[in-house]
């Protein structure tokens, strides 16, 4: 993978938000969950779709803190407009585990 400069890294705006609503997304090509995430006053609430159904139920995601890239352009996923990219890592089977802070932090905080 090519190296990037620190200035390149600063262009990626990764923030912490709190899931306010989550529901199944059966229309998606691969099993997914729709999420609404609150990033606080500056950014507000944004929608996303994530293929995290192996490890998470929609009800269990509500009130959970997640990390997301908030400065990608919106992307149409079926009939749903995804506005942020929630971050995660694949487990041994390739199923996604969400990236979250290990302690409660204020929503909207930018990753350093």
N, C-alpha and C. Protein backbone atom coordinates (compact mmCIF):
# COMPACT_ATOMS: atom_id res chain seq x y z
N UNK A 1 0.84 -1.17 0.00
CA UNK A 1 0.00 0.00 0.00
C UNK A 1 0.89 1.24 0.00
N UNK A 2 0.50 2.23 -0.75
CA UNK A 2 1.29 3.45 -0.86
C UNK A 2 1.26 4.26 0.43
N UNK A 3 2.39 4.87 0.75
CA UNK A 3 2.44 5.76 1.91
C UNK A 3 1.68 7.04 1.60
N UNK A 4 1.11 7.63 2.65
CA UNK A 4 0.45 8.92 2.50
C UNK A 4 1.11 9.91 3.45
N UNK A 5 0.91 11.17 3.19
CA UNK A 5 1.47 12.19 4.07
C UNK A 5 0.51 12.44 5.23
N UNK A 6 1.01 13.11 6.24
CA UNK A 6 0.15 13.48 7.37
C UNK A 6 -0.98 14.39 6.89
N UNK A 7 -0.69 15.26 5.94
CA UNK A 7 -1.73 16.14 5.39
C UNK A 7 -2.83 15.32 4.72
N UNK A 8 -2.47 14.20 4.05
CA UNK A 8 -3.48 13.32 3.47
C UNK A 8 -4.37 12.73 4.56
N UNK A 9 -3.78 12.30 5.65
CA UNK A 9 -4.53 11.75 6.77
C UNK A 9 -5.51 12.79 7.33
N UNK A 10 -5.07 14.04 7.43
CA UNK A 10 -5.93 15.09 7.98
C UNK A 10 -7.16 15.36 7.12
N UNK A 11 -7.13 14.96 5.86
CA UNK A 11 -8.28 15.16 4.98
C UNK A 11 -9.42 14.21 5.31
N UNK A 12 -9.11 13.10 5.99
CA UNK A 12 -10.14 12.12 6.35
C UNK A 12 -10.71 12.51 7.71
N UNK A 13 -11.98 12.89 7.73
CA UNK A 13 -12.62 13.36 8.95
C UNK A 13 -13.36 12.19 9.62
N UNK A 14 -12.71 11.60 10.63
CA UNK A 14 -13.27 10.47 11.36
C UNK A 14 -13.77 10.99 12.70
N UNK A 15 -15.07 10.77 12.94
CA UNK A 15 -15.72 11.27 14.16
C UNK A 15 -16.41 10.14 14.90
N UNK A 16 -16.67 10.39 16.17
CA UNK A 16 -17.44 9.45 16.97
C UNK A 16 -18.88 9.97 17.03
N UNK A 17 -19.82 9.03 16.90
CA UNK A 17 -21.23 9.37 17.00
C UNK A 17 -21.97 8.32 17.78
N UNK A 18 -23.24 8.62 18.08
CA UNK A 18 -24.07 7.68 18.83
C UNK A 18 -25.23 7.25 17.94
N UNK A 19 -25.43 5.94 17.84
CA UNK A 19 -26.54 5.40 17.05
C UNK A 19 -27.84 5.76 17.76
N UNK A 20 -28.72 6.46 17.03
CA UNK A 20 -30.02 6.86 17.60
C UNK A 20 -31.15 5.96 17.13
N UNK A 21 -30.96 5.31 16.00
CA UNK A 21 -32.00 4.44 15.43
C UNK A 21 -31.30 3.42 14.55
N UNK A 22 -31.81 2.20 14.52
CA UNK A 22 -31.25 1.15 13.65
C UNK A 22 -32.40 0.22 13.26
N UNK A 23 -32.37 -0.21 12.01
CA UNK A 23 -33.40 -1.14 11.54
C UNK A 23 -32.83 -2.04 10.45
N UNK A 24 -33.42 -3.21 10.26
CA UNK A 24 -32.96 -4.10 9.21
C UNK A 24 -33.06 -3.44 7.84
N UNK A 25 -32.21 -3.87 6.92
CA UNK A 25 -32.20 -3.34 5.55
C UNK A 25 -32.32 -4.53 4.60
N UNK A 26 -33.51 -5.16 4.55
CA UNK A 26 -33.68 -6.38 3.76
C UNK A 26 -33.54 -6.17 2.26
N UNK A 27 -33.69 -4.93 1.78
CA UNK A 27 -33.58 -4.65 0.34
C UNK A 27 -32.13 -4.64 -0.15
N UNK A 28 -31.17 -4.56 0.76
CA UNK A 28 -29.76 -4.51 0.38
C UNK A 28 -29.34 -5.83 -0.26
N UNK A 29 -28.37 -5.76 -1.18
CA UNK A 29 -27.88 -6.98 -1.84
C UNK A 29 -27.28 -7.97 -0.85
N UNK A 30 -26.51 -7.45 0.12
CA UNK A 30 -25.95 -8.27 1.19
C UNK A 30 -26.64 -7.85 2.49
N UNK A 31 -26.82 -8.77 3.42
CA UNK A 31 -27.49 -8.41 4.68
C UNK A 31 -26.85 -7.18 5.33
N UNK A 32 -27.69 -6.21 5.70
CA UNK A 32 -27.19 -4.96 6.26
C UNK A 32 -28.18 -4.40 7.26
N UNK A 33 -27.72 -3.38 7.98
CA UNK A 33 -28.55 -2.66 8.93
C UNK A 33 -28.46 -1.18 8.60
N UNK A 34 -29.61 -0.51 8.56
CA UNK A 34 -29.64 0.95 8.41
C UNK A 34 -29.43 1.54 9.80
N UNK A 35 -28.60 2.59 9.86
CA UNK A 35 -28.35 3.26 11.14
C UNK A 35 -28.45 4.77 10.96
N UNK A 36 -28.98 5.42 11.98
CA UNK A 36 -28.97 6.86 12.07
C UNK A 36 -28.03 7.19 13.23
N UNK A 37 -27.01 8.03 12.95
CA UNK A 37 -25.96 8.29 13.93
C UNK A 37 -25.89 9.78 14.20
N UNK A 38 -25.93 10.16 15.48
CA UNK A 38 -25.83 11.56 15.90
C UNK A 38 -24.37 11.90 16.16
N UNK A 39 -23.86 12.90 15.42
CA UNK A 39 -22.48 13.35 15.59
C UNK A 39 -22.41 14.70 16.30
N UNK A 40 -23.49 15.14 16.90
CA UNK A 40 -23.48 16.40 17.64
C UNK A 40 -23.79 17.59 16.77
N UNK A 41 -23.73 18.77 17.40
CA UNK A 41 -24.18 20.02 16.79
C UNK A 41 -23.60 20.38 15.44
N UNK A 42 -22.30 20.26 15.27
CA UNK A 42 -21.65 20.69 14.02
C UNK A 42 -22.09 19.84 12.82
N UNK A 43 -22.22 18.55 13.01
CA UNK A 43 -22.52 17.63 11.92
C UNK A 43 -23.97 17.17 11.96
N UNK A 44 -24.49 16.94 13.14
CA UNK A 44 -25.87 16.49 13.30
C UNK A 44 -26.02 15.00 13.06
N UNK A 45 -27.24 14.59 12.75
CA UNK A 45 -27.52 13.18 12.52
C UNK A 45 -27.33 12.83 11.06
N UNK A 46 -26.68 11.70 10.81
CA UNK A 46 -26.44 11.21 9.45
C UNK A 46 -26.85 9.75 9.37
N UNK A 47 -27.21 9.31 8.16
CA UNK A 47 -27.64 7.92 7.93
C UNK A 47 -26.51 7.12 7.31
N UNK A 48 -26.55 5.83 7.56
CA UNK A 48 -25.60 4.92 6.94
C UNK A 48 -26.20 3.52 6.88
N UNK A 49 -25.58 2.69 6.07
CA UNK A 49 -25.93 1.28 5.98
C UNK A 49 -24.65 0.50 6.21
N UNK A 50 -24.73 -0.55 7.03
CA UNK A 50 -23.53 -1.32 7.33
C UNK A 50 -23.83 -2.82 7.32
N UNK A 51 -22.92 -3.59 6.77
CA UNK A 51 -23.05 -5.05 6.70
C UNK A 51 -22.48 -5.66 7.99
N UNK A 52 -23.23 -5.47 9.07
CA UNK A 52 -22.78 -5.91 10.39
C UNK A 52 -23.78 -6.87 11.05
N UNK A 53 -24.59 -7.53 10.24
CA UNK A 53 -25.68 -8.36 10.77
C UNK A 53 -25.22 -9.62 11.50
N UNK A 54 -24.01 -10.08 11.26
CA UNK A 54 -23.53 -11.29 11.94
C UNK A 54 -23.32 -11.04 13.43
N UNK A 55 -22.76 -9.87 13.75
CA UNK A 55 -22.41 -9.59 15.15
C UNK A 55 -23.39 -8.67 15.87
N UNK A 56 -24.31 -8.03 15.14
CA UNK A 56 -25.17 -7.03 15.77
C UNK A 56 -26.62 -7.17 15.32
N UNK A 57 -27.53 -6.92 16.26
CA UNK A 57 -28.95 -6.78 15.98
C UNK A 57 -29.25 -5.29 16.00
N UNK A 58 -30.21 -4.83 15.20
CA UNK A 58 -30.51 -3.39 15.20
C UNK A 58 -30.78 -2.83 16.60
N UNK A 59 -31.57 -3.54 17.41
CA UNK A 59 -31.91 -3.04 18.75
C UNK A 59 -30.66 -2.85 19.62
N UNK A 60 -29.68 -3.71 19.47
CA UNK A 60 -28.47 -3.64 20.29
C UNK A 60 -27.55 -2.49 19.86
N UNK A 61 -27.74 -1.97 18.66
CA UNK A 61 -26.90 -0.88 18.18
C UNK A 61 -27.33 0.48 18.72
N UNK A 62 -28.60 0.61 19.05
CA UNK A 62 -29.11 1.90 19.53
C UNK A 62 -28.40 2.29 20.82
N UNK A 63 -27.94 3.53 20.87
CA UNK A 63 -27.22 4.14 21.99
C UNK A 63 -25.74 3.75 22.03
N UNK A 64 -25.28 2.99 21.07
CA UNK A 64 -23.87 2.59 21.00
C UNK A 64 -23.05 3.66 20.29
N UNK A 65 -21.83 3.90 20.75
CA UNK A 65 -20.94 4.82 20.06
C UNK A 65 -20.21 4.08 18.94
N UNK A 66 -20.09 4.75 17.78
CA UNK A 66 -19.40 4.19 16.62
C UNK A 66 -18.49 5.26 16.03
N UNK A 67 -17.53 4.82 15.23
CA UNK A 67 -16.64 5.74 14.53
C UNK A 67 -16.99 5.71 13.05
N UNK A 68 -16.92 6.89 12.41
CA UNK A 68 -17.29 6.95 11.00
C UNK A 68 -16.54 8.06 10.28
N UNK A 69 -16.33 7.85 8.98
CA UNK A 69 -15.81 8.92 8.12
C UNK A 69 -17.03 9.75 7.74
N UNK A 70 -16.96 11.06 8.04
CA UNK A 70 -18.13 11.92 7.81
C UNK A 70 -17.98 12.84 6.61
N UNK A 71 -16.83 12.80 5.93
CA UNK A 71 -16.65 13.73 4.81
C UNK A 71 -16.53 13.06 3.45
N UNK A 72 -17.09 11.85 3.31
CA UNK A 72 -17.28 11.25 1.99
C UNK A 72 -18.57 11.80 1.40
N UNK A 73 -18.70 11.86 0.09
CA UNK A 73 -19.98 12.27 -0.48
C UNK A 73 -21.04 11.19 -0.23
N UNK A 74 -22.32 11.57 -0.14
CA UNK A 74 -23.38 10.57 0.05
C UNK A 74 -23.36 9.53 -1.06
N UNK A 75 -23.81 8.31 -0.72
CA UNK A 75 -23.80 7.21 -1.68
C UNK A 75 -25.14 6.49 -1.65
N UNK A 76 -25.72 6.32 -2.82
CA UNK A 76 -27.01 5.65 -2.93
C UNK A 76 -26.80 4.14 -2.80
N UNK A 77 -27.50 3.52 -1.85
CA UNK A 77 -27.45 2.07 -1.67
C UNK A 77 -28.89 1.59 -1.76
N UNK A 78 -29.25 1.10 -2.93
CA UNK A 78 -30.65 0.75 -3.17
C UNK A 78 -31.49 2.01 -3.10
N UNK A 79 -32.54 1.97 -2.30
CA UNK A 79 -33.41 3.15 -2.13
C UNK A 79 -32.97 4.01 -0.94
N UNK A 80 -31.82 3.69 -0.35
CA UNK A 80 -31.34 4.35 0.86
C UNK A 80 -30.10 5.18 0.55
N UNK A 81 -30.05 6.41 1.03
CA UNK A 81 -28.90 7.28 0.83
C UNK A 81 -28.00 7.21 2.07
N UNK A 82 -26.80 6.65 1.89
CA UNK A 82 -25.82 6.55 2.97
C UNK A 82 -24.98 7.82 2.98
N UNK A 83 -24.89 8.46 4.17
CA UNK A 83 -24.22 9.76 4.27
C UNK A 83 -22.86 9.70 4.97
N UNK A 84 -22.56 8.61 5.65
CA UNK A 84 -21.27 8.44 6.32
C UNK A 84 -20.83 6.99 6.16
N UNK A 85 -19.56 6.72 6.41
CA UNK A 85 -19.03 5.36 6.36
C UNK A 85 -18.64 4.94 7.77
N UNK A 86 -19.45 4.05 8.36
CA UNK A 86 -19.13 3.52 9.68
C UNK A 86 -17.94 2.57 9.53
N UNK A 87 -17.02 2.64 10.48
CA UNK A 87 -15.77 1.87 10.38
C UNK A 87 -15.83 0.58 11.19
N UNK A 88 -15.15 -0.43 10.69
CA UNK A 88 -15.07 -1.71 11.37
C UNK A 88 -13.91 -2.53 10.83
N UNK A 89 -13.73 -3.69 11.44
CA UNK A 89 -12.65 -4.60 11.07
C UNK A 89 -13.21 -6.00 10.87
N UNK A 90 -12.66 -6.78 9.93
CA UNK A 90 -13.15 -8.15 9.74
C UNK A 90 -12.63 -9.08 10.84
N UNK A 91 -13.51 -9.97 11.27
CA UNK A 91 -13.08 -11.01 12.21
C UNK A 91 -12.44 -12.15 11.40
N UNK A 92 -12.19 -13.29 12.02
CA UNK A 92 -11.55 -14.42 11.34
C UNK A 92 -12.35 -14.94 10.15
N UNK A 93 -13.67 -14.71 10.15
CA UNK A 93 -14.53 -15.17 9.06
C UNK A 93 -14.84 -14.08 8.04
N UNK A 94 -14.27 -12.89 8.25
CA UNK A 94 -14.53 -11.77 7.34
C UNK A 94 -15.76 -10.97 7.70
N UNK A 95 -16.41 -11.30 8.82
CA UNK A 95 -17.60 -10.55 9.25
C UNK A 95 -17.15 -9.31 10.03
N UNK A 96 -17.86 -8.20 9.84
CA UNK A 96 -17.40 -6.91 10.36
C UNK A 96 -17.76 -6.71 11.83
N UNK A 97 -16.74 -6.26 12.58
CA UNK A 97 -16.87 -5.85 13.97
C UNK A 97 -16.65 -4.34 13.98
N UNK A 98 -17.58 -3.59 14.55
CA UNK A 98 -17.50 -2.13 14.54
C UNK A 98 -16.31 -1.59 15.32
N UNK A 99 -15.74 -0.50 14.81
CA UNK A 99 -14.69 0.22 15.52
C UNK A 99 -15.37 1.22 16.45
N UNK A 100 -15.06 1.12 17.73
CA UNK A 100 -15.67 1.98 18.74
C UNK A 100 -14.62 2.44 19.73
N UNK A 101 -14.83 3.60 20.37
CA UNK A 101 -13.89 3.98 21.44
C UNK A 101 -14.06 3.03 22.62
N UNK A 102 -12.98 2.79 23.36
CA UNK A 102 -13.09 1.85 24.47
C UNK A 102 -13.60 2.51 25.75
N UNK A 103 -13.77 3.83 25.72
CA UNK A 103 -14.40 4.58 26.81
C UNK A 103 -15.39 5.54 26.20
N UNK A 104 -16.40 5.93 26.94
CA UNK A 104 -17.39 6.89 26.48
C UNK A 104 -16.71 8.23 26.22
N UNK A 105 -16.96 8.83 25.06
CA UNK A 105 -16.40 10.13 24.70
C UNK A 105 -17.53 11.01 24.14
N UNK A 106 -17.34 12.35 24.14
CA UNK A 106 -18.39 13.22 23.60
C UNK A 106 -18.60 12.98 22.12
N UNK A 107 -19.89 12.93 21.70
CA UNK A 107 -20.19 12.75 20.28
C UNK A 107 -19.65 13.93 19.48
N UNK A 108 -19.24 13.64 18.26
CA UNK A 108 -18.67 14.67 17.39
C UNK A 108 -17.18 14.79 17.49
N UNK A 109 -16.57 14.14 18.48
CA UNK A 109 -15.12 14.23 18.65
C UNK A 109 -14.40 13.66 17.43
N UNK A 110 -13.35 14.37 16.99
CA UNK A 110 -12.58 13.94 15.83
C UNK A 110 -11.42 13.04 16.25
N UNK A 111 -11.20 11.99 15.48
CA UNK A 111 -10.09 11.09 15.76
C UNK A 111 -8.77 11.81 15.53
N UNK A 112 -7.84 11.58 16.44
CA UNK A 112 -6.48 12.15 16.34
C UNK A 112 -5.50 11.05 16.12
